[in-house]
Amino acid sequence: MSSDNITFSFGENWRDFVKQVDKDDINRANEDILSWISADNIAGKRVLDIGCGSGLHSYCFYNQKVSELVSIDVDKSSVDATHVMREYAGEPDNWQVDTISVLDNCKLEPLGVFNIVYSWGVLHHTGKMWEAIENAAKMVDCGGLFFISLYKKGEKYPKDLAIKRHYNNLSSIGKKLFVYKKIIKIMWKRLKKGKNPFAWNERVERGMNRYHDLIDWYGGLPYEVASTDEVEEFLKNMSFEMVKFKETKERCCNVYLFKKK
């Protein structure tokens, strides 16, 4: 997986997105988090955001009055984007942002353990998904919550992996043309349904928009998938029990909330 030609930066994509973030985006992201974990179970807690990306969800956790928030990402541009959100919050002392890989135990261990460990759509892009899940799970304190999302395993995986590899091998102009072709198809489908084709770049759940999600999906290498049974069994062996789960269609992320016994 790590031998793939990776020419896409999640961080550059999210650094561009964060320039457009508004209050509606923040509200949607905040509502998404609170639909899984109540405000009472976030306030006063120590929270780790692994693969913080745009920093939008870190910002939402901070706004829930956490005692301490640590946001990490291996992509420097993602770290830069998260710093923008931290500045927006007034650069609080209890919010730390750092460039750390979830695969780097030497840098993870000094951080200690957390009441909530959050990693949405990240661990399957590390090239060592199961090792990444294990490392992230080790950061959860006893009685703590492990909130993650992972691409659903299915029969389309080989084709999707080939598409991502093809996209990463394109030139910068080629990538733009590739995405524009997809956008035209989206606009055409909207037109046939009687919808405004020029409103295609609608905001989606979790505060993101369709354009940046589209680029994120095509560029996302490494790329691995997992079934619900695999994830549940793996974490059961690490003393976790699943307390909430949302299943989605293939090519999207299943969402899991585990609690450490």
C-alpha atoms as a PDB file:
ATOM      1  CA  MET A   1       0.000   0.000   0.000  1.00  0.00           C
ATOM      2  CA  SER A   2       2.761   2.439   0.903  1.00  0.00           C
ATOM      3  CA  SER A   3       4.425   1.827  -2.484  1.00  0.00           C
ATOM      4  CA  ASP A   4       1.601   3.700  -4.246  1.00  0.00           C
ATOM      5  CA  ASN A   5       2.457   6.905  -6.059  1.00  0.00           C
ATOM      6  CA  ILE A   6       0.923   9.425  -3.651  1.00  0.00           C
ATOM      7  CA  THR A   7       0.724  12.894  -5.198  1.00  0.00           C
ATOM      8  CA  PHE A   8      -2.254  14.157  -3.205  1.00  0.00           C
ATOM      9  CA  SER A   9      -2.146  16.113   0.051  1.00  0.00           C
ATOM     10  CA  PHE A  10      -5.186  15.885   2.311  1.00  0.00           C
ATOM     11  CA  GLY A  11      -3.778  18.888   4.133  1.00  0.00           C
ATOM     12  CA  GLU A  12      -3.642  21.140   1.067  1.00  0.00           C
ATOM     13  CA  ASN A  13      -7.229  20.217   0.320  1.00  0.00           C
ATOM     14  CA  TRP A  14      -8.391  21.039   3.877  1.00  0.00           C
ATOM     15  CA  ARG A  15      -6.246  24.153   4.108  1.00  0.00           C
ATOM     16  CA  ASP A  16      -8.141  25.415   1.067  1.00  0.00           C
ATOM     17  CA  PHE A  17     -11.463  24.370   2.599  1.00  0.00           C
ATOM     18  CA  VAL A  18     -10.833  26.121   5.908  1.00  0.00           C
ATOM     19  CA  LYS A  19     -10.709  29.479   4.101  1.00  0.00           C
ATOM     20  CA  GLN A  20     -14.424  29.034   3.359  1.00  0.00           C
ATOM     21  CA  VAL A  21     -15.593  27.786   6.766  1.00  0.00           C
ATOM     22  CA  ASP A  22     -18.556  29.730   8.128  1.00  0.00           C
ATOM     23  CA  LYS A  23     -20.869  29.484  11.139  1.00  0.00           C
ATOM     24  CA  ASP A  24     -23.197  27.082   9.347  1.00  0.00           C
ATOM     25  CA  ASP A  25     -20.294  24.681   8.720  1.00  0.00           C
ATOM     26  CA  ILE A  26     -19.309  24.891  12.376  1.00  0.00           C
ATOM     27  CA  ASN A  27     -22.883  24.290  13.509  1.00  0.00           C
ATOM     28  CA  ARG A  28     -23.241  21.219  11.276  1.00  0.00           C
ATOM     29  CA  ALA A  29     -19.955  19.765  12.492  1.00  0.00           C
ATOM     30  CA  ASN A  30     -20.902  20.459  16.089  1.00  0.00           C
ATOM     31  CA  GLU A  31     -24.316  18.832  15.679  1.00  0.00           C
ATOM     32  CA  ASP A  32     -22.677  15.753  14.189  1.00  0.00           C
ATOM     33  CA  ILE A  33     -20.380  15.305  17.191  1.00  0.00           C
ATOM     34  CA  LEU A  34     -23.177  15.898  19.707  1.00  0.00           C
ATOM     35  CA  SER A  35     -25.376  13.336  17.962  1.00  0.00           C
ATOM     36  CA  TRP A  36     -22.795  10.759  19.050  1.00  0.00           C
ATOM     37  CA  ILE A  37     -21.436  12.102  22.342  1.00  0.00           C
ATOM     38  CA  SER A  38     -23.462  14.338  24.649  1.00  0.00           C
ATOM     39  CA  ALA A  39     -22.074  17.704  25.711  1.00  0.00           C
ATOM     40  CA  ASP A  40     -21.946  16.453  29.320  1.00  0.00           C
ATOM     41  CA  ASN A  41     -19.641  13.623  28.264  1.00  0.00           C
ATOM     42  CA  ILE A  42     -17.269  16.029  26.484  1.00  0.00           C
ATOM     43  CA  ALA A  43     -17.045  18.934  28.940  1.00  0.00           C
ATOM     44  CA  GLY A  44     -14.044  18.685  31.228  1.00  0.00           C
ATOM     45  CA  LYS A  45     -12.571  15.753  29.308  1.00  0.00           C
ATOM     46  CA  ARG A  46      -9.161  15.263  27.728  1.00  0.00           C
ATOM     47  CA  VAL A  47      -9.631  14.843  23.954  1.00  0.00           C
ATOM     48  CA  LEU A  48      -7.283  13.639  21.199  1.00  0.00           C
ATOM     49  CA  ASP A  49      -8.096  14.314  17.519  1.00  0.00           C
ATOM     50  CA  ILE A  50      -5.988  12.007  15.333  1.00  0.00           C
ATOM     51  CA  GLY A  51      -5.739  13.236  11.741  1.00  0.00           C
ATOM     52  CA  CYS A  52      -7.241  16.631  12.532  1.00  0.00           C
ATOM     53  CA  GLY A  53      -7.436  17.678   8.845  1.00  0.00           C
ATOM     54  CA  SER A  54      -9.149  21.047   8.550  1.00  0.00           C
ATOM     55  CA  GLY A  55      -9.298  21.470  12.331  1.00  0.00           C
ATOM     56  CA  LEU A  56     -13.058  22.027  12.118  1.00  0.00           C
ATOM     57  CA  HIS A  57     -13.969  19.152  14.411  1.00  0.00           C
ATOM     58  CA  SER A  58     -11.156  19.928  16.821  1.00  0.00           C
ATOM     59  CA  TYR A  59     -12.633  23.398  17.066  1.00  0.00           C
ATOM     60  CA  CYS A  60     -16.059  21.927  17.849  1.00  0.00           C
ATOM     61  CA  PHE A  61     -14.616  19.739  20.593  1.00  0.00           C
ATOM     62  CA  TYR A  62     -12.835  22.767  22.059  1.00  0.00           C
ATOM     63  CA  ASN A  63     -16.114  24.687  22.115  1.00  0.00           C
ATOM     64  CA  GLN A  64     -17.607  21.978  24.336  1.00  0.00           C
ATOM     65  CA  LYS A  65     -15.352  23.149  27.186  1.00  0.00           C
ATOM     66  CA  VAL A  66     -12.874  20.269  27.187  1.00  0.00           C
ATOM     67  CA  SER A  67     -10.133  20.354  29.823  1.00  0.00           C
ATOM     68  CA  GLU A  68      -7.460  19.711  27.195  1.00  0.00           C
ATOM     69  CA  LEU A  69      -7.450  19.150  23.438  1.00  0.00           C
ATOM     70  CA  VAL A  70      -4.591  17.686  21.410  1.00  0.00           C
ATOM     71  CA  SER A  71      -4.866  17.738  17.591  1.00  0.00           C
ATOM     72  CA  ILE A  72      -2.319  15.793  15.543  1.00  0.00           C
ATOM     73  CA  ASP A  73      -1.797  15.078  11.858  1.00  0.00           C
ATOM     74  CA  VAL A  74       1.073  13.721   9.782  1.00  0.00           C
ATOM     75  CA  ASP A  75       0.364  16.273   7.026  1.00  0.00           C
ATOM     76  CA  LYS A  76       1.905  19.663   7.803  1.00  0.00           C
ATOM     77  CA  SER A  77      -0.730  21.470   5.728  1.00  0.00           C
ATOM     78  CA  SER A  78      -3.451  19.902   7.882  1.00  0.00           C
ATOM     79  CA  VAL A  79      -1.594  21.092  10.954  1.00  0.00           C
ATOM     80  CA  ASP A  80      -1.449  24.578   9.416  1.00  0.00           C
ATOM     81  CA  ALA A  81      -5.195  24.470   8.716  1.00  0.00           C
ATOM     82  CA  THR A  82      -5.894  23.404  12.302  1.00  0.00           C
ATOM     83  CA  HIS A  83      -3.737  26.255  13.568  1.00  0.00           C
ATOM     84  CA  VAL A  84      -6.075  28.603  11.671  1.00  0.00           C
ATOM     85  CA  MET A  85      -9.040  27.192  13.600  1.00  0.00           C
ATOM     86  CA  ARG A  86      -7.080  27.430  16.869  1.00  0.00           C
ATOM     87  CA  GLU A  87      -6.363  31.091  16.117  1.00  0.00           C
ATOM     88  CA  TYR A  88     -10.073  31.548  15.445  1.00  0.00           C
ATOM     89  CA  ALA A  89     -10.663  30.175  18.954  1.00  0.00           C
ATOM     90  CA  GLY A  90      -8.274  32.731  20.435  1.00  0.00           C
ATOM     91  CA  GLU A  91      -5.177  30.488  20.611  1.00  0.00           C
ATOM     92  CA  PRO A  92      -6.168  28.828  23.916  1.00  0.00           C
ATOM     93  CA  ASP A  93      -3.438  27.283  26.061  1.00  0.00           C
ATOM     94  CA  ASN A  94      -5.389  24.050  26.515  1.00  0.00           C
ATOM     95  CA  TRP A  95      -5.413  23.311  22.763  1.00  0.00           C
ATOM     96  CA  GLN A  96      -2.191  21.772  21.397  1.00  0.00           C
ATOM     97  CA  VAL A  97      -1.621  21.204  17.669  1.00  0.00           C
ATOM     98  CA  ASP A  98       1.320  19.110  16.475  1.00  0.00           C
ATOM     99  CA  THR A  99       2.707  17.171  13.505  1.00  0.00           C
ATOM    100  CA  ILE A 100       2.614  13.551  14.679  1.00  0.00           C
ATOM    101  CA  SER A 101       1.834  10.290  12.882  1.00  0.00           C
ATOM    102  CA  VAL A 102      -0.480   7.772  14.512  1.00  0.00           C
ATOM    103  CA  LEU A 103       2.134   5.179  13.537  1.00  0.00           C
ATOM    104  CA  ASP A 104       4.855   6.913  15.582  1.00  0.00           C
ATOM    105  CA  ASN A 105       4.632   5.354  19.046  1.00  0.00           C
ATOM    106  CA  CYS A 106       7.677   7.267  20.279  1.00  0.00           C
ATOM    107  CA  LYS A 107       5.792  10.564  19.854  1.00  0.00           C
ATOM    108  CA  LEU A 108       2.392   9.224  20.870  1.00  0.00           C
ATOM    109  CA  GLU A 109       3.343   7.729  24.227  1.00  0.00           C
ATOM    110  CA  PRO A 110       4.427  11.030  25.867  1.00  0.00           C
ATOM    111  CA  LEU A 111       0.935  12.413  25.177  1.00  0.00           C
ATOM    112  CA  GLY A 112      -0.560   9.997  27.707  1.00  0.00           C
ATOM    113  CA  VAL A 113      -4.132   8.698  27.583  1.00  0.00           C
ATOM    114  CA  PHE A 114      -7.380  10.503  26.822  1.00  0.00           C
ATOM    115  CA  ASN A 115     -11.036  10.333  27.785  1.00  0.00           C
ATOM    116  CA  ILE A 116     -12.035  10.683  24.122  1.00  0.00           C
ATOM    117  CA  VAL A 117      -9.980   9.666  21.091  1.00  0.00           C
ATOM    118  CA  TYR A 118     -11.479  10.821  17.801  1.00  0.00           C
ATOM    119  CA  SER A 119     -10.304   9.873  14.304  1.00  0.00           C
ATOM    120  CA  TRP A 120     -12.779  10.357  11.465  1.00  0.00           C
ATOM    121  CA  GLY A 121     -11.867   8.919   8.051  1.00  0.00           C
ATOM    122  CA  VAL A 122      -8.146   8.823   8.789  1.00  0.00           C
ATOM    123  CA  LEU A 123      -6.823   5.456   9.938  1.00  0.00           C
ATOM    124  CA  HIS A 124      -7.595   3.718   6.625  1.00  0.00           C
ATOM    125  CA  HIS A 125      -5.287   6.206   4.845  1.00  0.00           C
ATOM    126  CA  THR A 126      -2.129   5.370   6.825  1.00  0.00           C
ATOM    127  CA  GLY A 127      -0.992   2.357   4.788  1.00  0.00           C
ATOM    128  CA  LYS A 128      -1.066   0.287   7.996  1.00  0.00           C
ATOM    129  CA  MET A 129      -4.696   0.501   9.020  1.00  0.00           C
ATOM    130  CA  TRP A 130      -4.793  -2.164  11.729  1.00  0.00           C
ATOM    131  CA  GLU A 131      -1.600  -0.898  13.329  1.00  0.00           C
ATOM    132  CA  ALA A 132      -3.051   2.622  13.241  1.00  0.00           C
ATOM    133  CA  ILE A 133      -6.290   1.427  14.880  1.00  0.00           C
ATOM    134  CA  GLU A 134      -4.317  -0.364  17.574  1.00  0.00           C
ATOM    135  CA  ASN A 135      -2.092   2.641  18.288  1.00  0.00           C
ATOM    136  CA  ALA A 136      -5.076   4.983  18.456  1.00  0.00           C
ATOM    137  CA  ALA A 137      -7.004   2.606  20.723  1.00  0.00           C
ATOM    138  CA  LYS A 138      -4.075   2.464  23.144  1.00  0.00           C
ATOM    139  CA  MET A 139      -4.507   6.206  23.686  1.00  0.00           C
ATOM    140  CA  VAL A 140      -7.967   5.687  25.216  1.00  0.00           C
ATOM    141  CA  ASP A 141      -8.144   5.729  29.022  1.00  0.00           C
ATOM    142  CA  CYS A 142     -10.167   3.135  30.945  1.00  0.00           C
ATOM    143  CA  GLY A 143     -13.847   4.034  30.613  1.00  0.00           C
ATOM    144  CA  GLY A 144     -12.983   6.355  27.721  1.00  0.00           C
ATOM    145  CA  LEU A 145     -14.560   6.640  24.271  1.00  0.00           C
ATOM    146  CA  PHE A 146     -13.050   5.705  20.916  1.00  0.00           C
ATOM    147  CA  PHE A 147     -14.891   7.512  18.081  1.00  0.00           C
ATOM    148  CA  ILE A 148     -13.721   6.484  14.596  1.00  0.00           C
ATOM    149  CA  SER A 149     -14.906   6.021  11.033  1.00  0.00           C
ATOM    150  CA  LEU A 150     -13.505   3.621   8.441  1.00  0.00           C
ATOM    151  CA  TYR A 151     -14.296   2.870   4.818  1.00  0.00           C
ATOM    152  CA  LYS A 152     -16.732  -0.015   4.479  1.00  0.00           C
ATOM    153  CA  LYS A 153     -15.394  -3.191   2.897  1.00  0.00           C
ATOM    154  CA  GLY A 154     -17.123  -4.295  -0.313  1.00  0.00           C
ATOM    155  CA  GLU A 155     -16.707  -5.715  -3.780  1.00  0.00           C
ATOM    156  CA  LYS A 156     -15.985  -2.312  -5.348  1.00  0.00           C
ATOM    157  CA  TYR A 157     -12.705  -1.938  -3.453  1.00  0.00           C
ATOM    158  CA  PRO A 158     -10.326  -3.116  -6.247  1.00  0.00           C
ATOM    159  CA  LYS A 159     -11.979  -0.766  -8.757  1.00  0.00           C
ATOM    160  CA  ASP A 160     -11.937   2.165  -6.335  1.00  0.00           C
ATOM    161  CA  LEU A 161      -8.286   1.577  -5.500  1.00  0.00           C
ATOM    162  CA  ALA A 162      -7.472   1.590  -9.238  1.00  0.00           C
ATOM    163  CA  ILE A 163      -9.336   4.908  -9.664  1.00  0.00           C
ATOM    164  CA  LYS A 164      -7.384   6.497  -6.818  1.00  0.00           C
ATOM    165  CA  ARG A 165      -4.088   5.258  -8.225  1.00  0.00           C
ATOM    166  CA  HIS A 166      -5.015   6.590 -11.658  1.00  0.00           C
ATOM    167  CA  TYR A 167      -5.907   9.999 -10.186  1.00  0.00           C
ATOM    168  CA  ASN A 168      -2.612  10.223  -8.290  1.00  0.00           C
ATOM    169  CA  ASN A 169      -0.674   9.484 -11.483  1.00  0.00           C
ATOM    170  CA  LEU A 170      -2.280  12.387 -13.345  1.00  0.00           C
ATOM    171  CA  SER A 171      -0.671  15.796 -13.771  1.00  0.00           C
ATOM    172  CA  SER A 172      -2.112  18.746 -11.856  1.00  0.00           C
ATOM    173  CA  ILE A 173      -4.081  19.750 -14.958  1.00  0.00           C
ATOM    174  CA  GLY A 174      -5.168  16.155 -15.452  1.00  0.00           C
ATOM    175  CA  LYS A 175      -6.480  16.034 -11.883  1.00  0.00           C
ATOM    176  CA  LYS A 176      -8.535  19.183 -12.417  1.00  0.00           C
ATOM    177  CA  LEU A 177     -10.027  17.830 -15.656  1.00  0.00           C
ATOM    178  CA  PHE A 178     -10.799  14.534 -13.917  1.00  0.00           C
ATOM    179  CA  VAL A 179     -12.696  16.316 -11.138  1.00  0.00           C
ATOM    180  CA  TYR A 180     -14.444  18.718 -13.533  1.00  0.00           C
ATOM    181  CA  LYS A 181     -15.793  15.760 -15.539  1.00  0.00           C
ATOM    182  CA  LYS A 182     -17.279  14.370 -12.352  1.00  0.00           C
ATOM    183  CA  ILE A 183     -18.770  17.764 -11.481  1.00  0.00           C
ATOM    184  CA  ILE A 184     -20.410  17.979 -14.921  1.00  0.00           C
ATOM    185  CA  LYS A 185     -21.988  14.558 -14.329  1.00  0.00           C
ATOM    186  CA  ILE A 186     -23.286  15.718 -10.953  1.00  0.00           C
ATOM    187  CA  MET A 187     -24.734  18.865 -12.530  1.00  0.00           C
ATOM    188  CA  TRP A 188     -26.369  16.840 -15.295  1.00  0.00           C
ATOM    189  CA  LYS A 189     -28.001  14.469 -12.787  1.00  0.00           C
ATOM    190  CA  ARG A 190     -29.332  17.445 -10.833  1.00  0.00           C
ATOM    191  CA  LEU A 191     -30.742  18.990 -13.998  1.00  0.00           C
ATOM    192  CA  LYS A 192     -32.579  15.767 -14.899  1.00  0.00           C
ATOM    193  CA  LYS A 193     -34.132  15.752 -11.429  1.00  0.00           C
ATOM    194  CA  GLY A 194     -35.322  19.335 -11.839  1.00  0.00           C
ATOM    195  CA  LYS A 195     -32.734  20.732  -9.400  1.00  0.00           C
ATOM    196  CA  ASN A 196     -30.516  23.755  -9.940  1.00  0.00           C
ATOM    197  CA  PRO A 197     -27.326  22.307 -11.537  1.00  0.00           C
ATOM    198  CA  PHE A 198     -25.249  25.289 -10.405  1.00  0.00           C
ATOM    199  CA  ALA A 199     -26.023  24.548  -6.754  1.00  0.00           C
ATOM    200  CA  TRP A 200     -24.139  21.239  -6.962  1.00  0.00           C
ATOM    201  CA  ASN A 201     -21.486  22.273  -4.410  1.00  0.00           C
ATOM    202  CA  GLU A 202     -23.904  21.952  -1.529  1.00  0.00           C
ATOM    203  CA  ARG A 203     -22.812  21.628   2.067  1.00  0.00           C
ATOM    204  CA  VAL A 204     -22.852  18.048   3.268  1.00  0.00           C
ATOM    205  CA  GLU A 205     -23.017  16.509   6.715  1.00  0.00           C
ATOM    206  CA  ARG A 206     -20.232  17.168   9.206  1.00  0.00           C
ATOM    207  CA  GLY A 207     -19.721  20.716   7.902  1.00  0.00           C
ATOM    208  CA  MET A 208     -17.854  19.861   4.702  1.00  0.00           C
ATOM    209  CA  ASN A 209     -18.766  20.729   1.120  1.00  0.00           C
ATOM    210  CA  ARG A 210     -19.107  18.430  -1.848  1.00  0.00           C
ATOM    211  CA  TYR A 211     -16.157  19.798  -3.836  1.00  0.00           C
ATOM    212  CA  HIS A 212     -13.549  19.209  -1.138  1.00  0.00           C
ATOM    213  CA  ASP A 213     -15.056  15.845  -0.238  1.00  0.00           C
ATOM    214  CA  LEU A 214     -14.812  14.856  -3.910  1.00  0.00           C
ATOM    215  CA  ILE A 215     -11.125  15.726  -4.137  1.00  0.00           C
ATOM    216  CA  ASP A 216     -10.510  14.023  -0.796  1.00  0.00           C
ATOM    217  CA  TRP A 217     -12.062  10.786  -2.057  1.00  0.00           C
ATOM    218  CA  TYR A 218     -10.245  10.610  -5.404  1.00  0.00           C
ATOM    219  CA  GLY A 219      -6.857  11.560  -3.994  1.00  0.00           C
ATOM    220  CA  GLY A 220      -7.032   9.429  -0.858  1.00  0.00           C
ATOM    221  CA  LEU A 221      -4.090   7.043  -0.878  1.00  0.00           C
ATOM    222  CA  PRO A 222      -3.177   4.803   0.886  1.00  0.00           C
ATOM    223  CA  TYR A 223      -6.649   3.294   0.958  1.00  0.00           C
ATOM    224  CA  GLU A 224      -7.876   0.319   2.971  1.00  0.00           C
ATOM    225  CA  VAL A 225     -11.307  -0.937   4.001  1.00  0.00           C
ATOM    226  CA  ALA A 226     -12.772  -2.958   6.866  1.00  0.00           C
ATOM    227  CA  SER A 227     -15.962  -4.815   7.686  1.00  0.00           C
ATOM    228  CA  THR A 228     -17.943  -4.122  10.833  1.00  0.00           C
ATOM    229  CA  ASP A 229     -17.252  -7.610  12.166  1.00  0.00           C
ATOM    230  CA  GLU A 230     -13.508  -7.182  11.656  1.00  0.00           C
ATOM    231  CA  VAL A 231     -13.437  -3.862  13.489  1.00  0.00           C
ATOM    232  CA  GLU A 232     -15.638  -5.040  16.347  1.00  0.00           C
ATOM    233  CA  GLU A 233     -13.647  -8.244  16.864  1.00  0.00           C
ATOM    234  CA  PHE A 234     -10.302  -6.447  16.698  1.00  0.00           C
ATOM    235  CA  LEU A 235     -11.292  -3.904  19.335  1.00  0.00           C
ATOM    236  CA  LYS A 236     -13.083  -6.477  21.472  1.00  0.00           C
ATOM    237  CA  ASN A 237      -9.685  -8.098  21.920  1.00  0.00           C
ATOM    238  CA  MET A 238      -8.434  -4.746  23.244  1.00  0.00           C
ATOM    239  CA  SER A 239     -11.201  -4.583  25.874  1.00  0.00           C
ATOM    240  CA  PHE A 240     -13.560  -2.320  23.920  1.00  0.00           C
ATOM    241  CA  GLU A 241     -17.297  -2.690  23.499  1.00  0.00           C
ATOM    242  CA  MET A 242     -19.270  -1.007  20.735  1.00  0.00           C
ATOM    243  CA  VAL A 243     -21.893   1.388  22.116  1.00  0.00           C
ATOM    244  CA  LYS A 244     -23.090   2.996  18.882  1.00  0.00           C
ATOM    245  CA  PHE A 245     -22.722   2.262  15.187  1.00  0.00           C
ATOM    246  CA  LYS A 246     -23.837   3.748  11.883  1.00  0.00           C
ATOM    247  CA  GLU A 247     -23.605   1.610   8.771  1.00  0.00           C
ATOM    248  CA  THR A 248     -23.343   3.242   5.384  1.00  0.00           C
ATOM    249  CA  LYS A 249     -23.081   2.191   1.759  1.00  0.00           C
ATOM    250  CA  GLU A 250     -19.861   1.036   0.159  1.00  0.00           C
ATOM    251  CA  ARG A 251     -17.400   3.838  -0.763  1.00  0.00           C
ATOM    252  CA  CYS A 252     -18.451   5.669   2.384  1.00  0.00           C
ATOM    253  CA  CYS A 253     -17.388   5.394   6.007  1.00  0.00           C
ATOM    254  CA  ASN A 254     -18.983   3.280   8.701  1.00  0.00           C
ATOM    255  CA  VAL A 255     -18.971   5.191  11.995  1.00  0.00           C
ATOM    256  CA  TYR A 256     -18.173   3.527  15.321  1.00  0.00           C
ATOM    257  CA  LEU A 257     -18.292   4.617  18.938  1.00  0.00           C
ATOM    258  CA  PHE A 258     -16.535   2.236  21.323  1.00  0.00           C
ATOM    259  CA  LYS A 259     -16.056   2.369  25.057  1.00  0.00           C
ATOM    260  CA  LYS A 260     -13.031   0.923  26.811  1.00  0.00           C
ATOM    261  CA  LYS A 261     -14.030  -1.386  29.640  1.00  0.00           C
END
